[in-house]
Amino acid sequence: MRTSILLLVGMFLSIAQNVVAQNRWLVGTGLTYCTYLNSPGINFNVSYRVAGNLHIGPDFSALLSRERDEDGRTVKRKEVEYNLNSHYLVQINESISLYPLVGMNISKLTIHPEGEQPDRKMITALNAGGGFEFEVSALHLFIESKWTSKVDKVDITAGLLFEL
Protein backbone atom coordinates (compact mmCIF):
# COMPACT_ATOMS: atom_id res chain seq x y z
CA MET A 1 0.00 0.00 0.00
CA ARG A 2 2.75 2.41 1.00
CA THR A 3 4.65 1.61 -2.22
CA SER A 4 1.53 2.27 -4.31
CA ILE A 5 1.00 5.66 -2.67
CA LEU A 6 4.65 6.61 -3.19
CA LEU A 7 4.43 5.47 -6.81
CA LEU A 8 1.26 7.55 -7.38
CA VAL A 9 2.80 10.63 -5.73
CA GLY A 10 5.95 10.18 -7.83
CA MET A 11 3.90 9.89 -11.05
CA PHE A 12 1.88 12.98 -10.12
CA LEU A 13 5.01 15.02 -9.40
CA SER A 14 6.59 13.86 -12.66
CA ILE A 15 3.52 14.84 -14.68
CA ALA A 16 3.19 18.17 -12.84
CA GLN A 17 6.85 18.98 -13.47
CA ASN A 18 6.43 18.11 -17.15
CA VAL A 19 3.37 20.36 -17.54
CA VAL A 20 5.07 23.28 -15.77
CA ALA A 21 8.28 22.72 -17.75
CA GLN A 22 6.37 22.99 -21.01
CA ASN A 23 4.94 26.42 -20.04
CA ARG A 24 1.52 25.57 -21.41
CA TRP A 25 -0.42 28.39 -19.68
CA LEU A 26 -0.13 32.06 -20.61
CA VAL A 27 -2.03 34.75 -18.68
CA GLY A 28 -2.04 38.47 -19.36
CA THR A 29 -3.72 41.76 -20.00
CA GLY A 30 -3.70 44.55 -22.51
CA LEU A 31 -5.47 47.50 -24.05
CA THR A 32 -8.08 47.10 -26.75
CA TYR A 33 -9.84 49.41 -29.20
CA CYS A 34 -13.30 48.65 -30.63
CA THR A 35 -14.51 50.16 -33.92
CA TYR A 36 -18.19 49.52 -33.06
CA LEU A 37 -18.13 51.88 -30.08
CA ASN A 38 -15.12 53.84 -31.29
CA SER A 39 -13.83 53.34 -27.75
CA PRO A 40 -10.83 51.90 -25.87
CA GLY A 41 -11.02 49.29 -23.15
CA ILE A 42 -9.09 46.72 -21.15
CA ASN A 43 -8.55 43.08 -22.08
CA PHE A 44 -7.80 40.01 -19.92
CA ASN A 45 -6.43 36.96 -21.70
CA VAL A 46 -5.71 33.29 -20.91
CA SER A 47 -4.13 30.93 -23.41
CA TYR A 48 -3.37 27.22 -23.23
CA ARG A 49 -0.92 25.49 -25.54
CA VAL A 50 -2.87 22.43 -26.62
CA ALA A 51 -0.17 20.87 -28.78
CA GLY A 52 2.88 22.42 -30.39
CA ASN A 53 1.96 25.89 -31.63
CA LEU A 54 -1.83 25.44 -31.34
CA HIS A 55 -3.28 27.71 -28.62
CA ILE A 56 -6.84 27.99 -27.34
CA GLY A 57 -8.29 30.18 -24.62
CA PRO A 58 -10.79 32.74 -23.41
CA ASP A 59 -10.41 36.48 -23.26
CA PHE A 60 -12.59 39.21 -21.82
CA SER A 61 -12.80 42.87 -22.83
CA ALA A 62 -14.59 45.69 -21.02
CA LEU A 63 -14.94 48.80 -23.18
CA LEU A 64 -15.46 52.33 -21.93
CA SER A 65 -18.96 53.78 -22.35
CA ARG A 66 -19.39 56.08 -25.30
CA GLU A 67 -21.96 58.84 -25.68
CA ARG A 68 -23.06 60.02 -29.12
CA ASP A 69 -25.52 62.57 -30.37
CA GLU A 70 -28.08 60.74 -32.54
CA ASP A 71 -31.12 62.53 -33.97
CA GLY A 72 -30.79 65.37 -31.46
CA ARG A 73 -30.52 63.22 -28.34
CA THR A 74 -27.67 61.66 -26.40
CA VAL A 75 -27.26 57.88 -26.70
CA LYS A 76 -24.90 56.03 -24.36
CA ARG A 77 -23.39 52.75 -25.63
CA LYS A 78 -21.54 50.10 -23.62
CA GLU A 79 -20.06 46.72 -24.48
CA VAL A 80 -18.58 43.81 -22.58
CA GLU A 81 -17.33 40.89 -24.64
CA TYR A 82 -16.29 37.32 -23.97
CA ASN A 83 -14.31 35.38 -26.57
CA LEU A 84 -13.07 31.82 -26.97
CA ASN A 85 -10.41 31.84 -29.68
CA SER A 86 -7.86 29.48 -31.09
CA HIS A 87 -4.76 30.39 -33.01
CA TYR A 88 -1.77 28.64 -34.52
CA LEU A 89 1.64 30.28 -34.17
CA VAL A 90 3.74 30.33 -37.33
CA GLN A 91 7.30 31.03 -36.22
CA ILE A 92 9.26 33.56 -38.26
CA ASN A 93 12.33 33.14 -36.03
CA GLU A 94 13.03 32.09 -32.42
CA SER A 95 11.19 35.03 -30.87
CA ILE A 96 8.72 36.28 -33.52
CA SER A 97 5.53 34.52 -34.59
CA LEU A 98 2.48 35.37 -36.68
CA TYR A 99 -0.88 33.68 -36.19
CA PRO A 100 -4.33 33.34 -37.73
CA LEU A 101 -7.19 33.50 -35.22
CA VAL A 102 -10.71 32.00 -35.24
CA GLY A 103 -13.25 31.75 -32.46
CA MET A 104 -16.59 32.61 -30.90
CA ASN A 105 -17.76 35.86 -29.36
CA ILE A 106 -20.52 36.70 -26.90
CA SER A 107 -21.09 40.45 -26.59
CA LYS A 108 -23.35 42.20 -24.11
CA LEU A 109 -24.36 45.48 -25.75
CA THR A 110 -26.25 48.21 -23.92
CA ILE A 111 -27.77 51.09 -25.87
CA HIS A 112 -29.32 53.74 -23.64
CA PRO A 113 -31.03 56.68 -25.37
CA GLU A 114 -31.55 59.71 -23.13
CA GLY A 115 -35.00 59.64 -21.53
CA GLU A 116 -35.68 55.99 -22.47
CA GLN A 117 -35.09 52.58 -20.96
CA PRO A 118 -31.78 50.92 -21.88
CA ASP A 119 -31.86 48.25 -24.57
CA ARG A 120 -29.64 45.30 -23.61
CA LYS A 121 -28.70 42.62 -26.12
CA MET A 122 -26.64 39.45 -25.94
CA ILE A 123 -25.13 38.70 -29.32
CA THR A 124 -23.31 35.51 -30.30
CA ALA A 125 -20.96 35.85 -33.25
CA LEU A 126 -17.84 34.45 -34.89
CA ASN A 127 -14.32 35.92 -34.76
CA ALA A 128 -11.69 35.89 -37.50
CA GLY A 129 -8.38 37.69 -37.49
CA GLY A 130 -4.70 37.42 -36.88
CA GLY A 131 -1.84 38.64 -34.80
CA PHE A 132 1.81 38.98 -34.02
CA GLU A 133 3.67 37.67 -30.96
CA PHE A 134 7.13 38.65 -29.79
CA GLU A 135 8.60 36.37 -27.12
CA VAL A 136 11.32 37.42 -24.67
CA SER A 137 12.04 34.77 -22.04
CA ALA A 138 8.71 34.12 -20.21
CA LEU A 139 7.13 37.35 -21.50
CA HIS A 140 5.07 37.52 -24.70
CA LEU A 141 4.10 40.82 -26.32
CA PHE A 142 1.10 40.39 -28.64
CA ILE A 143 -0.78 42.59 -31.06
CA GLU A 144 -3.89 41.19 -32.70
CA SER A 145 -6.85 42.29 -34.72
CA LYS A 146 -10.12 40.40 -35.01
CA TRP A 147 -13.31 40.97 -36.92
CA THR A 148 -16.56 39.98 -35.21
CA SER A 149 -19.52 38.97 -37.38
CA LYS A 150 -23.10 40.19 -36.66
CA VAL A 151 -21.75 43.32 -34.95
CA ASP A 152 -19.42 43.92 -37.95
CA LYS A 153 -16.70 45.40 -35.82
CA VAL A 154 -12.93 45.15 -35.51
CA ASP A 155 -11.09 44.93 -32.20
CA ILE A 156 -7.39 45.78 -32.07
CA THR A 157 -5.63 44.56 -28.92
CA ALA A 158 -2.06 44.91 -27.67
CA GLY A 159 -0.82 43.39 -24.45
CA LEU A 160 1.51 41.19 -22.47
CA LEU A 161 1.21 37.49 -21.63
CA PHE A 162 3.20 35.77 -18.90
CA GLU A 163 4.08 32.08 -18.81
CA LEU A 164 2.92 30.23 -15.70
Foldseek 3Di string as FASTA:
>chain_A
DVVVVVVVVVVVVVVVVVQQVVLFKKWWKWKKAKPLQRWIWIKTWIWGDPDDQKIKTKMKIWTDWHWDQDPNWIKIKTKIKMKIKMWGWDDPDDFKTKIKMKTKMWMWMWIGIPPDDIDIDIDIWMKTWMKMWGDDPQKIWIWIWIATPPSRMIMIITIMIGGD
